[in-house]
Amino acid sequence: MVRHVLTENDRVIQTAQLLNELDPNAIGEVLHASHASMREDFKISFPELDLAVETAGISGAIGARMTGGGFGGSAIALGLEESTNQFQTAIENKFAAAGHKAPRIFAVSPADGAGRIGL
């Protein structure tokens, strides 16, 4: 567990540096490494989540990882707008083929964080 926390802190710093120096495509490997650490070192993933992350990664996503609390959390997959349908369909098909309940998948776009309005 401690290994995950320490290596995840390094991955956060690495992600910030990559985003400042390059572009979002550069963080794909870091996202995948983060998920692998959560699965192997922290032991908080589960097969359906691993399948979603793996499938997104081989189906056009830049990177993917678990997010939220684990043990039933969610996954995020970073991708270009034109590729999202490709990996969404692939995940839905893999879940159906494995006999899993259909996942709820929705697209979001980045935005500025919360802030004060007015005054």
C-alpha atoms as a PDB file:
ATOM      1  CA  MET A   1       0.000   0.000   0.000  1.00  0.00           C
ATOM      2  CA  VAL A   2       2.780   2.436   0.898  1.00  0.00           C
ATOM      3  CA  ARG A   3       4.493   1.761  -2.430  1.00  0.00           C
ATOM      4  CA  HIS A   4       1.366   2.919  -4.270  1.00  0.00           C
ATOM      5  CA  VAL A   5       1.121   6.141  -2.247  1.00  0.00           C
ATOM      6  CA  LEU A   6       4.771   7.029  -2.798  1.00  0.00           C
ATOM      7  CA  THR A   7       4.814   6.184  -6.501  1.00  0.00           C
ATOM      8  CA  GLU A   8       1.459   7.907  -7.058  1.00  0.00           C
ATOM      9  CA  ASN A   9       2.850  11.118  -5.563  1.00  0.00           C
ATOM     10  CA  ASP A  10       5.684  10.921  -8.099  1.00  0.00           C
ATOM     11  CA  ARG A  11       3.194  10.290 -10.905  1.00  0.00           C
ATOM     12  CA  VAL A  12       1.204  13.400  -9.945  1.00  0.00           C
ATOM     13  CA  ILE A  13       4.350  15.520 -10.156  1.00  0.00           C
ATOM     14  CA  GLN A  14       5.318  13.860 -13.443  1.00  0.00           C
ATOM     15  CA  THR A  15       1.848  14.485 -14.888  1.00  0.00           C
ATOM     16  CA  ALA A  16       1.953  18.172 -13.980  1.00  0.00           C
ATOM     17  CA  GLN A  17       5.391  18.509 -15.572  1.00  0.00           C
ATOM     18  CA  LEU A  18       4.311  16.707 -18.742  1.00  0.00           C
ATOM     19  CA  LEU A  19       1.196  18.854 -19.093  1.00  0.00           C
ATOM     20  CA  ASN A  20       3.236  22.030 -18.651  1.00  0.00           C
ATOM     21  CA  GLU A  21       5.957  20.943 -21.092  1.00  0.00           C
ATOM     22  CA  LEU A  22       4.089  18.948 -23.727  1.00  0.00           C
ATOM     23  CA  ASP A  23       0.444  18.071 -24.262  1.00  0.00           C
ATOM     24  CA  PRO A  24      -2.185  15.665 -22.874  1.00  0.00           C
ATOM     25  CA  ASN A  25      -0.948  12.843 -25.125  1.00  0.00           C
ATOM     26  CA  ALA A  26       2.200  12.675 -23.010  1.00  0.00           C
ATOM     27  CA  ILE A  27       0.407  11.498 -19.859  1.00  0.00           C
ATOM     28  CA  GLY A  28      -1.077   8.276 -21.248  1.00  0.00           C
ATOM     29  CA  GLU A  29       1.654   6.025 -19.893  1.00  0.00           C
ATOM     30  CA  VAL A  30       1.439   7.710 -16.498  1.00  0.00           C
ATOM     31  CA  LEU A  31      -2.313   7.076 -16.324  1.00  0.00           C
ATOM     32  CA  HIS A  32      -1.822   3.399 -17.174  1.00  0.00           C
ATOM     33  CA  ALA A  33       0.981   3.082 -14.602  1.00  0.00           C
ATOM     34  CA  SER A  34      -1.267   4.650 -11.996  1.00  0.00           C
ATOM     35  CA  HIS A  35      -3.997   2.099 -12.649  1.00  0.00           C
ATOM     36  CA  ALA A  36      -1.528  -0.781 -12.563  1.00  0.00           C
ATOM     37  CA  SER A  37      -0.270   0.446  -9.195  1.00  0.00           C
ATOM     38  CA  MET A  38      -3.796   0.692  -7.805  1.00  0.00           C
ATOM     39  CA  ARG A  39      -4.475  -2.837  -9.034  1.00  0.00           C
ATOM     40  CA  GLU A  40      -1.198  -4.477  -7.982  1.00  0.00           C
ATOM     41  CA  ASP A  41       0.186  -2.442  -5.075  1.00  0.00           C
ATOM     42  CA  PHE A  42      -2.944  -1.032  -3.453  1.00  0.00           C
ATOM     43  CA  LYS A  43      -5.278  -3.895  -4.450  1.00  0.00           C
ATOM     44  CA  ILE A  44      -8.345  -1.670  -4.912  1.00  0.00           C
ATOM     45  CA  SER A  45      -9.378  -2.516  -8.459  1.00  0.00           C
ATOM     46  CA  PHE A  46     -11.637  -5.302  -9.705  1.00  0.00           C
ATOM     47  CA  PRO A  47     -11.984  -7.255 -12.976  1.00  0.00           C
ATOM     48  CA  GLU A  48     -14.647  -5.106 -14.653  1.00  0.00           C
ATOM     49  CA  LEU A  49     -12.685  -1.944 -13.971  1.00  0.00           C
ATOM     50  CA  ASP A  50      -9.460  -3.527 -15.209  1.00  0.00           C
ATOM     51  CA  LEU A  51     -11.283  -4.600 -18.380  1.00  0.00           C
ATOM     52  CA  ALA A  52     -12.582  -1.066 -19.002  1.00  0.00           C
ATOM     53  CA  VAL A  53      -9.125   0.483 -18.512  1.00  0.00           C
ATOM     54  CA  GLU A  54      -7.350  -2.127 -20.621  1.00  0.00           C
ATOM     55  CA  THR A  55      -9.912  -1.941 -23.428  1.00  0.00           C
ATOM     56  CA  ALA A  56      -9.829   1.858 -23.529  1.00  0.00           C
ATOM     57  CA  GLY A  57      -6.039   1.720 -23.770  1.00  0.00           C
ATOM     58  CA  ILE A  58      -5.988  -0.628 -26.739  1.00  0.00           C
ATOM     59  CA  SER A  59      -8.947   1.005 -28.477  1.00  0.00           C
ATOM     60  CA  GLY A  60      -7.816   4.578 -29.011  1.00  0.00           C
ATOM     61  CA  ALA A  61      -7.669   6.224 -25.584  1.00  0.00           C
ATOM     62  CA  ILE A  62      -4.541   8.196 -24.754  1.00  0.00           C
ATOM     63  CA  GLY A  63      -4.615   6.731 -21.253  1.00  0.00           C
ATOM     64  CA  ALA A  64      -7.011   5.375 -18.650  1.00  0.00           C
ATOM     65  CA  ARG A  65      -7.123   4.652 -14.934  1.00  0.00           C
ATOM     66  CA  MET A  66      -9.434   4.024 -12.051  1.00  0.00           C
ATOM     67  CA  THR A  67     -10.772   7.074 -10.268  1.00  0.00           C
ATOM     68  CA  GLY A  68     -12.885   7.533  -7.192  1.00  0.00           C
ATOM     69  CA  GLY A  69     -12.802   5.292  -4.172  1.00  0.00           C
ATOM     70  CA  GLY A  70     -12.010   1.968  -5.773  1.00  0.00           C
ATOM     71  CA  PHE A  71     -13.791  -1.252  -4.921  1.00  0.00           C
ATOM     72  CA  GLY A  72     -16.570  -0.272  -7.295  1.00  0.00           C
ATOM     73  CA  GLY A  73     -15.386   3.133  -8.424  1.00  0.00           C
ATOM     74  CA  SER A  74     -15.143   4.487 -11.919  1.00  0.00           C
ATOM     75  CA  ALA A  75     -12.575   4.757 -14.656  1.00  0.00           C
ATOM     76  CA  ILE A  76     -11.527   7.764 -16.672  1.00  0.00           C
ATOM     77  CA  ALA A  77     -10.209   7.477 -20.191  1.00  0.00           C
ATOM     78  CA  LEU A  78      -8.475  10.434 -21.793  1.00  0.00           C
ATOM     79  CA  GLY A  79      -8.954  10.651 -25.517  1.00  0.00           C
ATOM     80  CA  LEU A  80      -9.415  12.922 -28.445  1.00  0.00           C
ATOM     81  CA  GLU A  81     -13.021  13.784 -29.188  1.00  0.00           C
ATOM     82  CA  GLU A  82     -12.936  11.917 -32.495  1.00  0.00           C
ATOM     83  CA  SER A  83     -11.795   8.669 -30.843  1.00  0.00           C
ATOM     84  CA  THR A  84     -14.210   8.522 -27.912  1.00  0.00           C
ATOM     85  CA  ASN A  85     -16.906   6.588 -29.783  1.00  0.00           C
ATOM     86  CA  GLN A  86     -14.307   4.007 -30.793  1.00  0.00           C
ATOM     87  CA  PHE A  87     -13.192   3.110 -27.290  1.00  0.00           C
ATOM     88  CA  GLN A  88     -16.704   3.505 -25.837  1.00  0.00           C
ATOM     89  CA  THR A  89     -18.038   0.930 -28.291  1.00  0.00           C
ATOM     90  CA  ALA A  90     -15.081  -1.373 -27.633  1.00  0.00           C
ATOM     91  CA  ILE A  91     -15.687  -1.247 -23.862  1.00  0.00           C
ATOM     92  CA  GLU A  92     -19.405  -1.924 -24.278  1.00  0.00           C
ATOM     93  CA  ASN A  93     -18.658  -4.888 -26.559  1.00  0.00           C
ATOM     94  CA  LYS A  94     -16.017  -6.347 -24.203  1.00  0.00           C
ATOM     95  CA  PHE A  95     -18.383  -6.065 -21.231  1.00  0.00           C
ATOM     96  CA  ALA A  96     -21.168  -7.787 -23.168  1.00  0.00           C
ATOM     97  CA  ALA A  97     -18.837 -10.561 -24.341  1.00  0.00           C
ATOM     98  CA  ALA A  98     -17.655 -11.121 -20.748  1.00  0.00           C
ATOM     99  CA  GLY A  99     -21.230 -11.270 -19.458  1.00  0.00           C
ATOM    100  CA  HIS A 100     -20.867  -8.106 -17.371  1.00  0.00           C
ATOM    101  CA  LYS A 101     -23.612  -5.576 -16.799  1.00  0.00           C
ATOM    102  CA  ALA A 102     -23.439  -2.781 -19.395  1.00  0.00           C
ATOM    103  CA  PRO A 103     -21.258   0.074 -18.131  1.00  0.00           C
ATOM    104  CA  ARG A 104     -22.530   3.643 -17.924  1.00  0.00           C
ATOM    105  CA  ILE A 105     -20.253   5.700 -20.148  1.00  0.00           C
ATOM    106  CA  PHE A 106     -20.458   9.419 -20.736  1.00  0.00           C
ATOM    107  CA  ALA A 107     -18.174  12.006 -22.267  1.00  0.00           C
ATOM    108  CA  VAL A 108     -17.014  15.114 -20.474  1.00  0.00           C
ATOM    109  CA  SER A 109     -14.874  18.048 -21.495  1.00  0.00           C
ATOM    110  CA  PRO A 110     -12.274  19.827 -19.377  1.00  0.00           C
ATOM    111  CA  ALA A 111     -13.248  23.134 -17.842  1.00  0.00           C
ATOM    112  CA  ASP A 112     -11.891  25.638 -15.366  1.00  0.00           C
ATOM    113  CA  GLY A 113     -12.290  24.702 -11.726  1.00  0.00           C
ATOM    114  CA  ALA A 114     -14.781  26.245  -9.316  1.00  0.00           C
ATOM    115  CA  GLY A 115     -14.368  29.916  -8.649  1.00  0.00           C
ATOM    116  CA  ARG A 116     -16.038  32.942  -7.183  1.00  0.00           C
ATOM    117  CA  ILE A 117     -18.525  34.758  -9.402  1.00  0.00           C
ATOM    118  CA  GLY A 118     -19.339  38.413  -9.015  1.00  0.00           C
ATOM    119  CA  LEU A 119     -18.668  40.886  -6.242  1.00  0.00           C
END
